[in-house]
Structure formats: structure tokens, C-alpha cells
Amino acid sequence: MLTEFNFFGAFMAPIVVYAIAALPVTMLIRFALWWTGIMKWFWHLALFEVALYTCVLCLMILFV
């Protein structure tokens, strides 16, 4: 069950913590895709990166 997180006396919604945790995971996947050359296949890079972040965030919410 998702509960609020206490951050120095300020309660934060779980989505905020997941959103912050999804950033380094997305950056790691993005770096791996650039290194392998797969990112050249995508026409609109910004749209793909937003979609990748959204997918990582949703997967973290579902499975963590």
C-alpha cells in the first residue's frame, strides 16, 4: 500500500518519490541506448525520452 513519506517533517506523496527515483533509471537506460546506437532509430528524440520516462515511472509504481 502506498503511504506518504516523511521528509524532515514534510509529508510527500509517493508519486514524488517515485518520480525522483525514476530519473536516474531513465538516464541510465538513455545512456545505454545512445552507446549502442539505438537512439538513432527514433524520429522524435524528445518524445521518445518523455515516453521512456513515463514507462519507467509507471513500472516503478507497479513493481516497487
N, C-alpha and C. Protein backbone atom coordinates (compact mmCIF):
# COMPACT_ATOMS: atom_id res chain seq x y z
N MET A 1 0.84 -1.17 0.00
CA MET A 1 0.00 0.00 0.00
C MET A 1 0.89 1.25 0.00
N LEU A 2 0.54 2.19 -0.82
CA LEU A 2 1.31 3.43 -0.91
C LEU A 2 0.96 4.35 0.26
N THR A 3 1.97 4.79 0.95
CA THR A 3 1.77 5.72 2.06
C THR A 3 2.62 6.96 1.84
N GLU A 4 2.32 7.97 2.60
CA GLU A 4 3.09 9.21 2.49
C GLU A 4 4.47 9.04 3.11
N PHE A 5 5.44 9.77 2.59
CA PHE A 5 6.79 9.73 3.10
C PHE A 5 7.06 10.99 3.92
N ASN A 6 7.70 10.81 5.05
CA ASN A 6 8.04 11.93 5.91
C ASN A 6 9.45 12.39 5.54
N PHE A 7 9.57 13.59 5.03
CA PHE A 7 10.85 14.16 4.63
C PHE A 7 11.11 15.39 5.47
N PHE A 8 11.84 15.21 6.59
CA PHE A 8 12.15 16.28 7.53
C PHE A 8 10.89 17.01 8.01
N GLY A 9 9.86 16.25 8.30
CA GLY A 9 8.63 16.83 8.82
C GLY A 9 7.61 17.21 7.78
N ALA A 10 7.97 17.15 6.52
CA ALA A 10 7.02 17.46 5.45
C ALA A 10 6.59 16.15 4.80
N PHE A 11 5.30 15.92 4.76
CA PHE A 11 4.79 14.70 4.15
C PHE A 11 4.72 14.87 2.64
N MET A 12 5.25 13.87 1.94
CA MET A 12 5.28 13.91 0.48
C MET A 12 4.49 12.73 -0.06
N ALA A 13 3.81 12.97 -1.16
CA ALA A 13 3.07 11.90 -1.82
C ALA A 13 4.05 10.89 -2.41
N PRO A 14 3.67 9.64 -2.47
CA PRO A 14 4.59 8.62 -3.01
C PRO A 14 4.98 8.86 -4.46
N ILE A 15 4.13 9.51 -5.23
CA ILE A 15 4.43 9.75 -6.64
C ILE A 15 5.65 10.65 -6.78
N VAL A 16 5.86 11.56 -5.82
CA VAL A 16 7.02 12.45 -5.87
C VAL A 16 8.31 11.66 -5.69
N VAL A 17 8.29 10.74 -4.75
CA VAL A 17 9.48 9.92 -4.50
C VAL A 17 9.77 9.02 -5.69
N TYR A 18 8.72 8.43 -6.26
CA TYR A 18 8.91 7.58 -7.44
C TYR A 18 9.39 8.39 -8.64
N ALA A 19 8.88 9.61 -8.80
CA ALA A 19 9.30 10.44 -9.92
C ALA A 19 10.77 10.81 -9.82
N ILE A 20 11.24 11.09 -8.61
CA ILE A 20 12.65 11.41 -8.42
C ILE A 20 13.51 10.18 -8.63
N ALA A 21 13.03 9.02 -8.17
CA ALA A 21 13.80 7.78 -8.33
C ALA A 21 13.82 7.30 -9.78
N ALA A 22 12.83 7.68 -10.57
CA ALA A 22 12.78 7.25 -11.97
C ALA A 22 13.77 8.02 -12.84
N LEU A 23 14.21 9.19 -12.41
CA LEU A 23 15.13 9.99 -13.22
C LEU A 23 16.47 9.29 -13.46
N PRO A 24 17.18 8.82 -12.43
CA PRO A 24 18.47 8.16 -12.73
C PRO A 24 18.32 6.86 -13.51
N VAL A 25 17.22 6.15 -13.28
CA VAL A 25 16.99 4.92 -14.05
C VAL A 25 16.80 5.24 -15.52
N THR A 26 16.03 6.29 -15.79
CA THR A 26 15.81 6.71 -17.17
C THR A 26 17.11 7.19 -17.81
N MET A 27 17.91 7.93 -17.07
CA MET A 27 19.18 8.40 -17.61
C MET A 27 20.13 7.24 -17.92
N LEU A 28 20.11 6.22 -17.08
CA LEU A 28 20.94 5.04 -17.33
C LEU A 28 20.50 4.30 -18.59
N ILE A 29 19.20 4.12 -18.75
CA ILE A 29 18.68 3.47 -19.96
C ILE A 29 18.98 4.31 -21.19
N ARG A 30 18.80 5.62 -21.05
CA ARG A 30 19.07 6.53 -22.17
C ARG A 30 20.54 6.48 -22.59
N PHE A 31 21.46 6.45 -21.61
CA PHE A 31 22.88 6.35 -21.91
C PHE A 31 23.19 5.04 -22.63
N ALA A 32 22.59 3.95 -22.17
CA ALA A 32 22.81 2.65 -22.81
C ALA A 32 22.29 2.65 -24.25
N LEU A 33 21.16 3.30 -24.48
CA LEU A 33 20.62 3.36 -25.84
C LEU A 33 21.48 4.23 -26.75
N TRP A 34 22.04 5.32 -26.22
CA TRP A 34 22.95 6.15 -27.02
C TRP A 34 24.23 5.39 -27.33
N TRP A 35 24.74 4.67 -26.34
CA TRP A 35 26.00 3.95 -26.50
C TRP A 35 25.88 2.83 -27.55
N THR A 36 24.73 2.16 -27.59
CA THR A 36 24.53 1.09 -28.56
C THR A 36 24.11 1.60 -29.94
N GLY A 37 23.71 2.86 -30.03
CA GLY A 37 23.31 3.42 -31.31
C GLY A 37 21.83 3.26 -31.63
N ILE A 38 21.07 2.78 -30.70
CA ILE A 38 19.63 2.57 -30.94
C ILE A 38 18.87 3.88 -31.00
N MET A 39 19.37 4.91 -30.33
CA MET A 39 18.65 6.19 -30.31
C MET A 39 18.59 6.83 -31.70
N LYS A 40 19.44 6.44 -32.61
CA LYS A 40 19.40 7.00 -33.96
C LYS A 40 18.18 6.52 -34.74
N TRP A 41 17.55 5.49 -34.27
CA TRP A 41 16.39 4.94 -34.98
C TRP A 41 15.12 5.76 -34.76
N PHE A 42 15.10 6.60 -33.73
CA PHE A 42 13.88 7.30 -33.38
C PHE A 42 13.83 8.66 -34.06
N TRP A 43 12.67 8.98 -34.57
CA TRP A 43 12.49 10.20 -35.33
C TRP A 43 12.43 11.41 -34.41
N HIS A 44 11.67 11.32 -33.34
CA HIS A 44 11.47 12.45 -32.43
C HIS A 44 12.06 12.06 -31.07
N LEU A 45 13.29 12.48 -30.82
CA LEU A 45 14.01 12.05 -29.63
C LEU A 45 13.36 12.55 -28.34
N ALA A 46 12.92 13.78 -28.32
CA ALA A 46 12.32 14.33 -27.10
C ALA A 46 11.05 13.56 -26.73
N LEU A 47 10.25 13.24 -27.72
CA LEU A 47 9.03 12.49 -27.48
C LEU A 47 9.35 11.09 -26.96
N PHE A 48 10.38 10.46 -27.51
CA PHE A 48 10.78 9.15 -27.05
C PHE A 48 11.29 9.20 -25.62
N GLU A 49 12.06 10.22 -25.27
CA GLU A 49 12.60 10.32 -23.92
C GLU A 49 11.50 10.55 -22.88
N VAL A 50 10.50 11.34 -23.23
CA VAL A 50 9.36 11.53 -22.33
C VAL A 50 8.59 10.23 -22.17
N ALA A 51 8.40 9.51 -23.26
CA ALA A 51 7.70 8.22 -23.19
C ALA A 51 8.51 7.20 -22.39
N LEU A 52 9.82 7.22 -22.54
CA LEU A 52 10.68 6.31 -21.77
C LEU A 52 10.57 6.62 -20.28
N TYR A 53 10.62 7.89 -19.92
CA TYR A 53 10.49 8.28 -18.52
C TYR A 53 9.13 7.87 -17.96
N THR A 54 8.09 8.07 -18.74
CA THR A 54 6.75 7.70 -18.31
C THR A 54 6.64 6.19 -18.08
N CYS A 55 7.22 5.42 -18.97
CA CYS A 55 7.20 3.96 -18.82
C CYS A 55 7.98 3.51 -17.59
N VAL A 56 9.14 4.09 -17.36
CA VAL A 56 9.94 3.74 -16.19
C VAL A 56 9.18 4.13 -14.92
N LEU A 57 8.58 5.29 -14.89
CA LEU A 57 7.82 5.73 -13.73
C LEU A 57 6.65 4.80 -13.45
N CYS A 58 5.91 4.44 -14.47
CA CYS A 58 4.77 3.53 -14.29
C CYS A 58 5.22 2.16 -13.81
N LEU A 59 6.32 1.65 -14.35
CA LEU A 59 6.82 0.35 -13.91
C LEU A 59 7.30 0.41 -12.47
N MET A 60 7.90 1.51 -12.08
CA MET A 60 8.33 1.63 -10.68
C MET A 60 7.14 1.69 -9.74
N ILE A 61 6.08 2.36 -10.14
CA ILE A 61 4.89 2.43 -9.30
C ILE A 61 4.24 1.05 -9.18
N LEU A 62 4.23 0.29 -10.26
CA LEU A 62 3.59 -1.01 -10.23
C LEU A 62 4.38 -2.06 -9.47
N PHE A 63 5.71 -2.05 -9.61
CA PHE A 63 6.50 -3.17 -9.10
C PHE A 63 7.39 -2.85 -7.91
N VAL A 64 7.47 -1.62 -7.48
CA VAL A 64 8.34 -1.31 -6.34
C VAL A 64 7.48 -1.05 -5.12
